[in-house]
Amino acid sequence: MKKRIFTGPVAFMITLSTVLLGASVAEAGLKIYYIRHAEAGHNVKKDWEKRKVPKDQWPAYVGNADMFTPKGLEQRAATAGKLKKYHFDFIAASPMWRCQNTILPYMQETGSKGEIWPELREGRASALILDTSLPVPTEPILGAGKPLEVGAEESPCFSLREDGKNAFKVPKAGTGRAADERSSAVARVVIQRVLDMIQTRFGGTDKSILFAGHGSSGKSVLRMLTQDPLTGFEGISNTGIWMVEEQADGTFKLKLFNDELVDHDKPVSVAPSKHASMDADNDGRVTQAEYVAEKVTGFERKDKNNDGVLSPDEHTHKSFKGADLDHNGQLTREEFSAIFKKRFDNKYDKNKVGFIAVEEIK
């Protein structure tokens, strides 16, 4: 008998009743594998901006989400071999080119067929996606976006679902905490659709299924499947795989993350990856300049109206007041940078040696 995948309080009640009634489930539970796409040009744009290389000198792939970087091409080449270690009864991918093409060599070599699931497309969300008190969006979302197409190279392996021929539509989110809540509420609707389809087609079976998707949405799927905010977990690496397995009580347990077995008794540390992302010259030390350069890349992202300054609505953090030294209600790039210079000195470089070691990252 197939079981509905529920989230929140309902999941607890069903889990409890399942245990009390001794409902039978397959000894080998449903396994869900998820692979993030190989590194594409948009993933390295920030790095090239930090290097301050003139844009007319950038390689063609920089900033292009539909081109793999040289590193991404290497990751893609290794993906088929990695996936051949497993058996998949079903495969689905995001409608984005980079996701389909990451696993396309595997599909071609094994003669596999897969579906395009619009709901696997990238979407911003945080751990708030688990908050059942978030207001349910009233705007059309699922199937309300643009029509989807499968490229000529991908079409022998991928096809659109009959009920999934349009992208989902993301309503405007605004800024600040309200934006985070709204984007998470939208993501909750989208990912719940993924869970519902898993339940309808595979719930309670011993099948193995593979999804090819993105970093943020991949974490959203994982959070809702496990009902775990994943505090302390780093991001899903490019071509990294996570896997969950359905347990006897109907819940899902994380077994694999970024290709490594998960030890649930061992705390997870994101310090090494955070340190490496800031260590531009790879010398094992993060200087104040490197730390600030990493943080200041967020200035353009926050500057929604592109006027060169940040308003209180664009930078909603409590640090705004102290950073606005001339009290004109705006933050320049220099004032924004000063926030992180001060944070480097007071929070990280407490021993005043001029750099941050891995063990100082929190």
Foldseek 3Di string as FASTA:
>chain_A
DFDAQDADPVLVVLLVVCVVVVDFFDPQFEKEKEFEFFAWQLNCLLVVVLVVDPPVPDPPGHNPRQGHDPRSVVQLVCLLVVPVVDDAPAEEEELDNRQLSSCVVNCVVVVAAYEYALLQADFAAALCLNVPPQDADPDFFQQPAAFGDDDPSRVSRYDYDPRHRGHTDQPDQFFDPSSRSRSSNSNNVSLSVVSRVCRVPPGRHNGYYYYGHHWRSVVVNVCRQQVDSCPQDDIQHHRFMWMWGQDRSRGIDTQGGRRDGDDPVDGHHPLVVVQVVQCSVPPQWHFLSSQLSSVLSCVVVLPVVPPQWHACSSVVDPCVVVLPVVPPRIHHSVSVSVVSSVCCDPQAVVVPPRTHHSVSGD
